[in-house]
Amino acid sequence: MNEFLARTNHPLLQRIIGFLPQNLPVYLVGGAVRDALLNRSSYDFDFVTSGDAMKIARQVAHELGGAFYPLDAQRNVARIIIKPEGQSEDDKPVRIDFSTFQGSDLTSDLHGRDFTVNAMAVEVHNLSELVDPLGGVADLLARHLRVCSDTSLVDDPVRVLRAVRFAVNLELIIPPETMKLIREAVGRIPEVSAERLRDELFRILAQPQTSTSIRILDKVGALEHILPELSKLKDVQQSSPHILDAWEHTLDVLTRLDKLLPVLAAEFDPEKTGSLIMGMVAIRLGRFRQQLRDHFAFSLNQDRPHRGLLFLAGLYHDVGKPVTQSAGVGGKIRFFEHEQVGRQVVEEKARALRLSNVELDRLVTIVSHHMRPSLLSHERQLPSRRAIYRFFRDTGTAGIDICILSLADVLATYGSTLPPERWDRQLEIVRSLMSAWWEDYEEIILPQPLVKGDELIREFSLTPGPLIGQMLEAIREAQVAGEIHSREEAINLAGSLLAEAE
């Protein structure tokens, strides 16, 4: 196999090339070429040609059994999304884009791209010859992120976010001349559509070192145009046990999430548990590793990974604190009901980003209930079956995300002052919640009903209404708590509830 093809580290590329026209030059361009030179895996393949890109893409989609999407008929741009055969369910889908040259030829096309490291190409039938008119290889070697032209960023301001993402993900230096162009372009970010901003934001949230990316976006003045609500967290002081203000705490929550997820939801790697804190995570929660992997493999939207939604919730979990800050006895700073204020803010942000309703609901649920695991940890006993039932009744699947966020929240709250017993307690609470969700679901979370609403209506000659739902909920709670076990006991409880209501 050609050396370059081997370095792409993706078996699907060879199959794609086999379905491309033999008598027409087709070029692999952009990120896949860059990643091959860096010996990195790639899940996005961009092809350009002088021919009918839409027709070629449709044929490749047919051969591969992928989903075909015409993105821009006028510019002859199409996309294929495919789940490669033989890959496990938690592997990433592959995006394959085809387009006709944006310009008169390949060189013009490459000059119109964002950064030199993304402006390289190889002809698919001659992978040994690299086309690099702007010195992308030299910039990769120098670890520099340079624009293809002085107007690259102002022509398309979403590239400001891409600059930050590439700098962090590829460990590139942003030289002063590029930084100057970034600062000049940030004021035009509001001109970008909400959908394009959302998609680029989620690419940042989906990659490691998210907090670093957010900090850079803030430094260059871009964050105020993307997530302006977060700026209000700056300099909002918090009392002990918090060691950071609300803004620094939020960024540290993202850092802690970055460290937790490889321990919780990835293949076991002892090197990632090389501290007492993470070792305790592996011991207490390691038995849920496969369930957590499956949990994060399932995305509410195929274009936006689950991780991105959790990190967005992490960014907004304390966004209600600035307007709820108050001083209590002894000057202790409190933030009563900040999670409910945050719920409203994150709901508005989700709508502004054009997220789907299910994504909006997940974000709102996480932010609204993010305090509950920590509140449970302050009780003397482990959560009762009734408390666990109520938690998941209110949160559903989002309860698992809340559990993980609560761990990051505690770590960021205490930092190096975290008492081992406090951490052990939080892990025990999360373990009991996860155990109920994955090991005792039918007993605690959603037991088989002992009685149905129509039976209560007939038994007590009632009319349909809210009272029936309230009675069923009380019966279910009693069943979960082990207080009743049969239909007869459920009917008796319903009768007692009716008598109290009269």
Protein backbone atom coordinates (compact mmCIF):
# COMPACT_ATOMS: atom_id res chain seq x y z
CA MET A 1 0.00 0.00 0.00
CA ASN A 2 1.25 3.47 -0.79
CA GLU A 3 3.08 5.03 2.18
CA PHE A 4 0.86 8.11 2.21
CA LEU A 5 -2.30 6.00 2.10
CA ALA A 6 -1.04 3.98 5.07
CA ARG A 7 -0.37 7.15 7.05
CA THR A 8 -4.00 8.28 6.77
CA ASN A 9 -4.67 5.46 9.23
CA HIS A 10 -8.16 4.86 7.86
CA PRO A 11 -9.03 1.76 5.77
CA LEU A 12 -12.04 3.48 4.20
CA LEU A 13 -9.89 5.81 2.08
CA GLN A 14 -8.59 3.01 -0.12
CA ARG A 15 -12.16 1.91 -0.85
CA ILE A 16 -13.23 5.47 -1.71
CA ILE A 17 -10.34 5.85 -4.16
CA GLY A 18 -11.35 2.60 -5.83
CA PHE A 19 -14.73 4.09 -6.74
CA LEU A 20 -13.39 7.39 -8.13
CA PRO A 21 -13.05 8.05 -11.89
CA GLN A 22 -9.77 6.80 -13.36
CA ASN A 23 -9.69 9.30 -16.20
CA LEU A 24 -10.35 12.46 -14.16
CA PRO A 25 -8.00 14.11 -11.63
CA VAL A 26 -9.57 14.04 -8.15
CA TYR A 27 -7.66 15.58 -5.24
CA LEU A 28 -7.75 14.77 -1.55
CA VAL A 29 -7.31 18.13 0.18
CA GLY A 30 -7.26 19.80 3.58
CA GLY A 31 -7.40 18.11 6.95
CA ALA A 32 -6.94 14.52 5.82
CA VAL A 33 -3.67 15.43 4.06
CA ARG A 34 -2.50 17.43 7.07
CA ASP A 35 -3.40 14.64 9.48
CA ALA A 36 -1.62 12.03 7.36
CA LEU A 37 1.56 14.11 7.49
CA LEU A 38 1.17 14.32 11.27
CA ASN A 39 0.43 10.58 11.59
CA ARG A 40 -2.99 11.38 13.03
CA SER A 41 -6.27 9.59 12.38
CA SER A 42 -8.79 11.42 10.22
CA TYR A 43 -12.55 11.05 10.03
CA ASP A 44 -13.15 13.76 7.43
CA PHE A 45 -12.17 13.45 3.77
CA ASP A 46 -12.48 16.38 1.36
CA PHE A 47 -12.15 15.82 -2.38
CA VAL A 48 -12.07 18.44 -5.13
CA THR A 49 -12.18 18.01 -8.89
CA SER A 50 -12.84 19.89 -12.10
CA GLY A 51 -15.60 17.41 -12.90
CA ASP A 52 -19.18 16.93 -11.68
CA ALA A 53 -18.57 16.56 -7.95
CA MET A 54 -22.23 15.99 -7.17
CA LYS A 55 -22.44 13.07 -9.60
CA ILE A 56 -19.21 11.52 -8.28
CA ALA A 57 -20.41 11.85 -4.68
CA ARG A 58 -23.74 10.21 -5.47
CA GLN A 59 -21.93 7.26 -7.10
CA VAL A 60 -19.53 6.85 -4.15
CA ALA A 61 -22.41 7.04 -1.68
CA HIS A 62 -24.20 4.29 -3.60
CA GLU A 63 -21.12 2.05 -3.62
CA LEU A 64 -20.37 2.58 0.08
CA GLY A 65 -23.96 2.51 1.29
CA GLY A 66 -23.60 5.96 2.81
CA ALA A 67 -26.11 8.77 3.25
CA PHE A 68 -25.91 11.39 0.48
CA TYR A 69 -26.55 15.09 1.13
CA PRO A 70 -26.42 17.78 -1.59
CA LEU A 71 -24.99 20.76 0.32
CA ASP A 72 -24.80 23.38 -2.42
CA ALA A 73 -26.13 22.56 -5.88
CA GLN A 74 -24.93 25.83 -7.39
CA ARG A 75 -21.35 25.34 -6.22
CA ASN A 76 -21.53 21.58 -6.84
CA VAL A 77 -20.85 20.50 -3.24
CA ALA A 78 -22.11 17.26 -1.70
CA ARG A 79 -21.52 15.26 1.46
CA ILE A 80 -21.58 11.58 2.37
CA ILE A 81 -21.94 10.32 5.94
CA ILE A 82 -20.96 6.72 6.52
CA LYS A 83 -20.42 4.30 9.37
CA PRO A 84 -17.60 2.03 8.14
CA GLU A 85 -18.31 -1.68 8.12
CA GLY A 86 -16.68 -3.62 10.90
CA GLN A 87 -16.40 -0.61 13.19
CA SER A 88 -17.86 -0.69 16.68
CA GLU A 89 -20.85 1.41 17.62
CA ASP A 90 -18.78 3.97 19.47
CA ASP A 91 -16.48 4.74 16.53
CA LYS A 92 -16.97 8.01 14.73
CA PRO A 93 -18.93 8.27 11.50
CA VAL A 94 -16.89 9.44 8.54
CA ARG A 95 -17.73 12.62 6.62
CA ILE A 96 -16.77 12.65 2.94
CA ASP A 97 -17.15 15.92 1.02
CA PHE A 98 -16.92 16.38 -2.74
CA SER A 99 -16.80 19.75 -4.48
CA THR A 100 -15.84 21.30 -7.79
CA PHE A 101 -12.83 23.65 -7.67
CA GLN A 102 -13.72 26.90 -5.93
CA GLY A 103 -11.78 28.95 -8.45
CA SER A 104 -10.38 28.26 -11.89
CA ASP A 105 -8.14 25.38 -10.84
CA LEU A 106 -6.63 23.52 -7.90
CA THR A 107 -4.14 26.26 -7.07
CA SER A 108 -6.89 28.88 -6.89
CA ASP A 109 -8.94 26.55 -4.72
CA LEU A 110 -6.07 26.07 -2.26
CA HIS A 111 -5.35 29.80 -2.08
CA GLY A 112 -8.96 30.39 -1.05
CA ARG A 113 -8.74 28.12 1.99
CA ASP A 114 -8.26 29.17 5.60
CA PHE A 115 -4.77 28.16 6.78
CA THR A 116 -1.68 26.94 4.98
CA VAL A 117 -1.65 23.66 6.91
CA ASN A 118 -5.07 22.95 5.38
CA ALA A 119 -4.12 24.06 1.86
CA MET A 120 -2.30 20.93 0.69
CA ALA A 121 -3.52 18.29 -1.74
CA VAL A 122 -2.64 14.96 -3.36
CA GLU A 123 -4.12 13.48 -6.52
CA VAL A 124 -5.77 10.23 -5.45
CA HIS A 125 -4.14 8.21 -8.24
CA ASN A 126 -0.69 9.62 -7.45
CA LEU A 127 -0.47 9.82 -3.67
CA SER A 128 3.30 10.22 -3.65
CA GLU A 129 3.17 13.78 -5.05
CA LEU A 130 2.13 16.53 -2.64
CA VAL A 131 0.71 19.81 -3.94
CA ASP A 132 1.73 22.52 -1.45
CA PRO A 133 1.72 25.99 -3.04
CA LEU A 134 1.55 27.92 0.27
CA GLY A 135 4.19 26.13 2.32
CA GLY A 136 1.89 24.12 4.56
CA VAL A 137 4.53 21.46 5.25
CA ALA A 138 7.04 24.09 6.38
CA ASP A 139 4.44 25.60 8.71
CA LEU A 140 3.63 22.18 10.17
CA LEU A 141 7.33 21.63 10.86
CA ALA A 142 7.62 25.07 12.43
CA ARG A 143 4.35 24.51 14.34
CA HIS A 144 2.96 27.78 12.96
CA LEU A 145 -0.65 28.57 12.07
CA ARG A 146 -0.64 30.98 9.14
CA VAL A 147 -3.54 32.19 7.01
CA CYS A 148 -3.64 31.60 3.27
CA SER A 149 -4.21 35.30 2.67
CA ASP A 150 -4.58 38.50 4.66
CA THR A 151 -8.34 38.45 4.00
CA SER A 152 -8.93 34.79 4.93
CA LEU A 153 -10.44 35.65 8.32
CA VAL A 154 -12.43 38.77 7.51
CA ASP A 155 -13.86 37.01 4.44
CA ASP A 156 -15.19 34.26 6.72
CA PRO A 157 -15.06 35.19 10.44
CA VAL A 158 -16.01 31.69 11.59
CA ARG A 159 -12.39 30.90 10.81
CA VAL A 160 -11.49 32.72 14.01
CA LEU A 161 -12.96 29.75 15.91
CA ARG A 162 -11.21 27.36 13.55
CA ALA A 163 -7.91 29.09 14.25
CA VAL A 164 -8.30 28.47 17.96
CA ARG A 165 -9.39 24.88 17.42
CA PHE A 166 -6.45 24.06 15.17
CA ALA A 167 -3.95 25.83 17.43
CA VAL A 168 -5.06 23.81 20.45
CA ASN A 169 -5.75 20.48 18.76
CA LEU A 170 -2.61 20.47 16.60
CA GLU A 171 -0.42 22.23 19.18
CA LEU A 172 0.39 25.07 16.80
CA ILE A 173 1.69 28.52 17.65
CA ILE A 174 -0.39 31.48 16.53
CA PRO A 175 2.24 33.93 15.27
CA PRO A 176 1.79 37.68 15.88
CA GLU A 177 0.72 38.40 12.30
CA THR A 178 -2.03 35.75 12.50
CA MET A 179 -3.09 36.99 15.94
CA LYS A 180 -3.40 40.52 14.54
CA LEU A 181 -5.69 39.28 11.76
CA ILE A 182 -7.76 37.31 14.28
CA ARG A 183 -8.33 40.41 16.41
CA GLU A 184 -9.32 42.39 13.32
CA ALA A 185 -11.87 39.76 12.32
CA VAL A 186 -13.62 39.09 15.68
CA GLY A 187 -15.92 42.08 15.29
CA ARG A 188 -17.46 40.44 12.25
CA ILE A 189 -18.39 37.21 14.02
CA PRO A 190 -22.01 38.41 14.51
CA GLU A 191 -22.33 38.33 10.70
CA VAL A 192 -21.90 34.54 10.75
CA SER A 193 -25.07 32.44 10.84
CA ALA A 194 -26.04 30.85 14.15
CA GLU A 195 -25.82 27.40 12.58
CA ARG A 196 -22.21 27.83 11.42
CA LEU A 197 -21.15 29.29 14.77
CA ARG A 198 -22.86 26.41 16.57
CA ASP A 199 -21.15 23.78 14.44
CA GLU A 200 -17.69 25.27 14.92
CA LEU A 201 -18.30 25.78 18.64
CA PHE A 202 -19.24 22.12 19.04
CA ARG A 203 -16.08 21.06 17.25
CA ILE A 204 -14.17 22.96 19.92
CA LEU A 205 -16.25 21.44 22.72
CA ALA A 206 -15.69 17.97 21.29
CA GLN A 207 -11.90 18.09 21.43
CA PRO A 208 -9.57 17.85 24.44
CA GLN A 209 -8.34 20.96 26.29
CA THR A 210 -11.68 22.69 25.84
CA SER A 211 -10.93 25.13 28.67
CA THR A 212 -7.77 26.25 26.87
CA SER A 213 -9.75 26.95 23.70
CA ILE A 214 -12.38 28.91 25.62
CA ARG A 215 -9.69 30.93 27.37
CA ILE A 216 -8.06 31.82 24.03
CA LEU A 217 -11.41 32.79 22.52
CA ASP A 218 -11.90 35.10 25.47
CA LYS A 219 -8.39 36.52 25.17
CA VAL A 220 -8.84 37.51 21.50
CA GLY A 221 -12.27 39.05 22.18
CA ALA A 222 -14.29 36.40 20.32
CA LEU A 223 -16.12 34.86 23.28
CA GLU A 224 -18.27 37.94 23.83
CA HIS A 225 -19.72 37.40 20.35
CA ILE A 226 -20.26 33.66 20.79
CA LEU A 227 -21.15 33.02 24.45
CA PRO A 228 -21.54 36.54 25.87
CA GLU A 229 -23.39 35.36 28.99
CA LEU A 230 -20.20 33.82 30.37
CA SER A 231 -18.38 37.13 30.76
CA LYS A 232 -20.62 38.00 33.72
CA LEU A 233 -19.00 35.18 35.70
CA LYS A 234 -15.69 37.03 35.86
CA ASP A 235 -14.70 38.28 39.31
CA VAL A 236 -17.84 36.80 40.93
CA GLN A 237 -16.34 35.78 44.26
CA GLN A 238 -17.34 32.58 46.05
CA SER A 239 -16.95 31.57 49.67
CA SER A 240 -15.17 28.51 51.01
CA PRO A 241 -14.90 25.69 50.09
CA HIS A 242 -14.62 27.37 46.68
CA ILE A 243 -11.05 28.41 45.93
CA LEU A 244 -11.78 30.22 42.65
CA ASP A 245 -14.12 32.88 41.39
CA ALA A 246 -17.08 31.75 39.27
CA TRP A 247 -15.29 32.25 35.93
CA GLU A 248 -12.10 30.41 36.84
CA HIS A 249 -14.19 27.72 38.53
CA THR A 250 -16.16 27.20 35.32
CA LEU A 251 -13.01 26.79 33.26
CA ASP A 252 -11.60 24.39 35.84
CA VAL A 253 -14.79 22.31 35.65
CA LEU A 254 -14.03 21.80 31.94
CA THR A 255 -10.46 20.84 32.76
CA ARG A 256 -11.68 18.32 35.33
CA LEU A 257 -14.19 16.86 32.85
CA ASP A 258 -11.32 16.42 30.39
CA LYS A 259 -9.46 14.36 32.99
CA LEU A 260 -12.49 12.37 34.17
CA LEU A 261 -13.83 11.17 30.83
CA PRO A 262 -10.78 9.08 29.83
CA VAL A 263 -10.95 7.33 33.20
CA LEU A 264 -14.72 6.84 33.16
CA ALA A 265 -15.67 6.26 29.53
CA ALA A 266 -12.63 5.00 27.64
CA GLU A 267 -10.58 1.82 27.52
CA PHE A 268 -8.88 1.30 30.86
CA ASP A 269 -5.45 2.92 30.94
CA PRO A 270 -3.58 2.76 34.27
CA GLU A 271 -1.48 5.79 33.30
CA LYS A 272 -4.63 7.95 33.32
CA THR A 273 -5.37 6.93 36.89
CA GLY A 274 -1.94 7.94 38.16
CA SER A 275 -3.25 10.00 41.07
CA LEU A 276 -5.17 9.19 44.23
CA ILE A 277 -8.17 11.19 42.98
CA MET A 278 -8.43 9.37 39.65
CA GLY A 279 -7.52 6.07 41.23
CA MET A 280 -10.55 6.38 43.48
CA VAL A 281 -12.69 7.13 40.41
CA ALA A 282 -11.48 3.97 38.70
CA ILE A 283 -12.10 1.86 41.80
CA ARG A 284 -15.55 3.21 42.62
CA LEU A 285 -16.97 3.62 39.13
CA GLY A 286 -14.82 1.40 36.92
CA ARG A 287 -17.50 -1.27 36.66
CA PHE A 288 -19.68 1.17 34.70
CA ARG A 289 -17.01 1.90 32.08
CA GLN A 290 -18.76 0.09 29.21
CA GLN A 291 -22.14 1.60 30.06
CA LEU A 292 -20.56 5.05 30.15
CA ARG A 293 -18.87 4.45 26.81
CA ASP A 294 -22.22 3.52 25.33
CA HIS A 295 -23.81 6.55 26.99
CA PHE A 296 -21.36 8.96 25.35
CA ALA A 297 -21.40 7.10 22.03
CA PHE A 298 -25.10 7.94 21.68
CA SER A 299 -25.54 11.47 20.33
CA LEU A 300 -28.80 13.39 20.31
CA ASN A 301 -27.69 14.79 16.95
CA GLN A 302 -25.37 12.96 14.56
CA ASP A 303 -23.46 16.17 13.80
CA ARG A 304 -22.83 17.06 17.44
CA PRO A 305 -21.20 14.55 19.79
CA HIS A 306 -22.55 13.91 23.27
CA ARG A 307 -19.36 15.23 24.84
CA GLY A 308 -19.95 18.67 23.33
CA LEU A 309 -23.37 18.95 24.95
CA LEU A 310 -21.97 18.00 28.37
CA PHE A 311 -19.18 20.59 28.08
CA LEU A 312 -21.66 23.27 27.01
CA ALA A 313 -23.68 22.44 30.12
CA GLY A 314 -20.46 22.70 32.11
CA LEU A 315 -19.87 26.18 30.73
CA TYR A 316 -23.37 27.30 31.74
CA HIS A 317 -23.93 25.35 34.95
CA ASP A 318 -23.18 28.40 37.15
CA VAL A 319 -24.25 31.12 34.74
CA GLY A 320 -27.06 32.11 37.13
CA LYS A 321 -24.67 33.04 39.94
CA PRO A 322 -23.96 36.68 39.05
CA VAL A 323 -27.61 37.73 39.50
CA THR A 324 -28.27 35.55 42.54
CA GLN A 325 -25.19 36.48 44.59
CA SER A 326 -25.97 37.53 48.16
CA ALA A 327 -24.18 37.71 51.50
CA GLY A 328 -25.50 35.65 54.40
CA VAL A 329 -24.62 35.39 58.06
CA GLY A 330 -20.94 36.09 58.64
CA GLY A 331 -20.55 37.41 55.12
CA LYS A 332 -20.75 33.98 53.52
CA ILE A 333 -21.57 34.38 49.84
CA ARG A 334 -24.59 32.42 48.63
CA PHE A 335 -26.32 31.89 45.29
CA PHE A 336 -29.84 30.76 46.09
CA GLU A 337 -31.65 29.20 43.12
CA HIS A 338 -28.84 30.06 40.73
CA GLU A 339 -29.55 26.82 38.90
CA GLN A 340 -33.08 27.98 38.06
CA VAL A 341 -31.79 31.27 36.69
CA GLY A 342 -29.18 29.31 34.76
CA ARG A 343 -31.94 27.13 33.35
CA GLN A 344 -33.53 30.17 31.70
CA VAL A 345 -30.21 31.46 30.37
CA VAL A 346 -29.12 28.14 28.87
CA GLU A 347 -32.54 27.60 27.31
CA GLU A 348 -32.26 30.95 25.52
CA LYS A 349 -28.72 30.11 24.43
CA ALA A 350 -29.79 26.72 23.07
CA ARG A 351 -32.49 28.39 21.00
CA ALA A 352 -30.05 31.02 19.75
CA LEU A 353 -27.65 28.26 18.65
CA ARG A 354 -30.51 26.49 16.83
CA LEU A 355 -30.10 23.30 18.83
CA SER A 356 -32.76 20.64 18.49
CA ASN A 357 -35.51 20.34 21.09
CA VAL A 358 -33.99 17.17 22.55
CA GLU A 359 -30.61 18.88 22.92
CA LEU A 360 -32.29 21.89 24.51
CA ASP A 361 -34.12 19.66 26.97
CA ARG A 362 -30.90 17.86 27.88
CA LEU A 363 -29.02 21.11 28.52
CA VAL A 364 -31.86 22.59 30.58
CA THR A 365 -32.15 19.42 32.65
CA ILE A 366 -28.43 19.25 33.40
CA VAL A 367 -28.16 22.89 34.43
CA SER A 368 -31.42 22.81 36.44
CA HIS A 369 -30.41 19.78 38.50
CA HIS A 370 -26.62 19.93 38.57
CA MET A 371 -26.56 20.52 42.34
CA ARG A 372 -28.57 17.45 43.33
CA PRO A 373 -25.81 14.82 43.66
CA SER A 374 -23.82 17.17 45.87
CA LEU A 375 -26.89 17.95 47.98
CA LEU A 376 -27.41 14.20 48.42
CA SER A 377 -23.79 13.88 49.55
CA HIS A 378 -24.49 16.14 52.53
CA GLU A 379 -26.96 13.63 53.97
CA ARG A 380 -25.71 11.18 56.57
CA GLN A 381 -27.04 8.13 54.78
CA LEU A 382 -26.74 7.05 51.15
CA PRO A 383 -29.73 8.10 49.02
CA SER A 384 -32.88 6.13 49.70
CA ARG A 385 -34.61 4.25 46.90
CA ARG A 386 -37.27 6.96 46.92
CA ALA A 387 -34.64 9.73 46.56
CA ILE A 388 -32.95 7.90 43.71
CA TYR A 389 -36.29 7.35 42.01
CA ARG A 390 -37.14 11.05 42.28
CA PHE A 391 -33.73 12.06 40.92
CA PHE A 392 -34.11 10.02 37.74
CA ARG A 393 -37.82 10.81 37.47
CA ASP A 394 -36.80 14.45 37.11
CA THR A 395 -33.67 13.95 35.02
CA GLY A 396 -33.95 10.72 33.02
CA THR A 397 -30.84 9.86 31.02
CA ALA A 398 -29.48 13.34 31.73
CA GLY A 399 -29.01 12.14 35.31
CA ILE A 400 -25.85 10.31 34.21
CA ASP A 401 -24.44 13.52 32.73
CA ILE A 402 -25.33 15.32 35.96
CA CYS A 403 -23.46 12.70 37.97
CA ILE A 404 -20.29 13.23 35.93
CA LEU A 405 -20.62 17.00 36.00
CA SER A 406 -21.03 16.86 39.77
CA LEU A 407 -17.69 15.08 40.09
CA ALA A 408 -15.95 17.76 38.02
CA ASP A 409 -17.77 20.44 40.00
CA VAL A 410 -16.54 19.09 43.34
CA LEU A 411 -12.96 18.78 42.08
CA ALA A 412 -13.01 22.36 40.79
CA THR A 413 -14.60 23.64 43.99
CA TYR A 414 -11.96 22.29 46.35
CA GLY A 415 -8.89 21.95 44.12
CA SER A 416 -5.91 20.82 46.15
CA THR A 417 -7.86 21.34 49.39
CA LEU A 418 -10.27 18.47 48.64
CA PRO A 419 -10.53 16.19 51.70
CA PRO A 420 -10.32 12.51 50.69
CA GLU A 421 -13.45 11.72 52.70
CA ARG A 422 -15.41 14.41 50.84
CA TRP A 423 -14.34 12.95 47.49
CA ASP A 424 -15.08 9.42 48.64
CA ARG A 425 -18.56 10.52 49.68
CA GLN A 426 -19.27 12.11 46.29
CA LEU A 427 -18.11 8.99 44.50
CA GLU A 428 -20.35 6.84 46.70
CA ILE A 429 -23.36 9.00 45.85
CA VAL A 430 -22.61 8.80 42.13
CA ARG A 431 -21.99 5.05 42.38
CA SER A 432 -25.36 4.48 44.04
CA LEU A 433 -27.13 6.55 41.37
CA MET A 434 -25.37 4.80 38.48
CA SER A 435 -25.97 1.41 40.06
CA ALA A 436 -29.69 2.09 40.26
CA TRP A 437 -29.82 3.30 36.65
CA TRP A 438 -27.86 0.44 35.11
CA GLU A 439 -28.33 -2.44 37.54
CA ASP A 440 -31.70 -1.91 39.25
CA TYR A 441 -33.64 0.00 36.61
CA GLU A 442 -36.80 -2.12 36.76
CA GLU A 443 -36.85 -2.10 40.55
CA ILE A 444 -36.01 1.54 41.31
CA ILE A 445 -36.28 3.67 38.17
CA LEU A 446 -39.25 2.27 36.27
CA PRO A 447 -40.96 -0.65 38.05
CA GLN A 448 -43.90 -2.49 36.54
CA PRO A 449 -47.05 -0.63 37.70
CA LEU A 450 -49.14 -2.35 40.37
CA VAL A 451 -52.26 -0.56 39.19
CA LYS A 452 -53.26 1.58 36.20
CA GLY A 453 -55.12 4.85 36.01
CA ASP A 454 -58.28 3.37 34.47
CA GLU A 455 -58.42 0.84 37.31
CA LEU A 456 -58.37 3.65 39.87
CA ILE A 457 -61.11 5.46 37.97
CA ARG A 458 -63.35 2.36 38.06
CA GLU A 459 -62.48 1.38 41.63
CA PHE A 460 -63.31 4.78 43.12
CA SER A 461 -65.76 6.11 40.50
CA LEU A 462 -63.47 8.98 39.65
CA THR A 463 -63.25 11.17 36.57
CA PRO A 464 -59.99 11.55 34.63
CA GLY A 465 -57.83 14.43 35.85
CA PRO A 466 -54.61 15.47 37.61
CA LEU A 467 -55.63 13.61 40.77
CA ILE A 468 -55.23 10.26 39.01
CA GLY A 469 -51.66 11.09 38.04
CA GLN A 470 -50.84 12.22 41.57
CA MET A 471 -52.20 8.98 43.01
CA LEU A 472 -50.25 6.85 40.52
CA GLU A 473 -47.06 8.74 41.35
CA ALA A 474 -47.55 8.24 45.09
CA ILE A 475 -48.20 4.53 44.51
CA ARG A 476 -45.07 4.21 42.38
CA GLU A 477 -42.92 5.92 45.02
CA ALA A 478 -44.28 3.64 47.72
CA GLN A 479 -43.61 0.64 45.49
CA VAL A 480 -40.01 1.72 44.85
CA ALA A 481 -39.48 2.28 48.57
CA GLY A 482 -40.71 -1.25 49.31
CA GLU A 483 -43.73 -0.03 51.28
CA ILE A 484 -46.26 -1.80 49.04
CA HIS A 485 -45.92 -4.90 46.87
CA SER A 486 -49.31 -5.85 45.42
CA ARG A 487 -52.30 -4.45 43.56
CA GLU A 488 -54.40 -4.71 46.70
CA GLU A 489 -51.93 -2.64 48.70
CA ALA A 490 -51.82 -0.10 45.87
CA ILE A 491 -55.63 0.20 45.92
CA ASN A 492 -55.61 0.61 49.71
CA LEU A 493 -53.00 3.36 49.45
CA ALA A 494 -55.07 5.10 46.78
CA GLY A 495 -58.07 4.96 49.09
CA SER A 496 -56.10 6.52 51.92
CA LEU A 497 -54.89 9.28 49.62
CA LEU A 498 -58.44 10.00 48.53
CA ALA A 499 -59.61 10.19 52.12
CA GLU A 500 -56.85 12.68 52.95
CA ALA A 501 -57.76 14.78 49.90
CA GLU A 502 -61.43 15.10 50.93
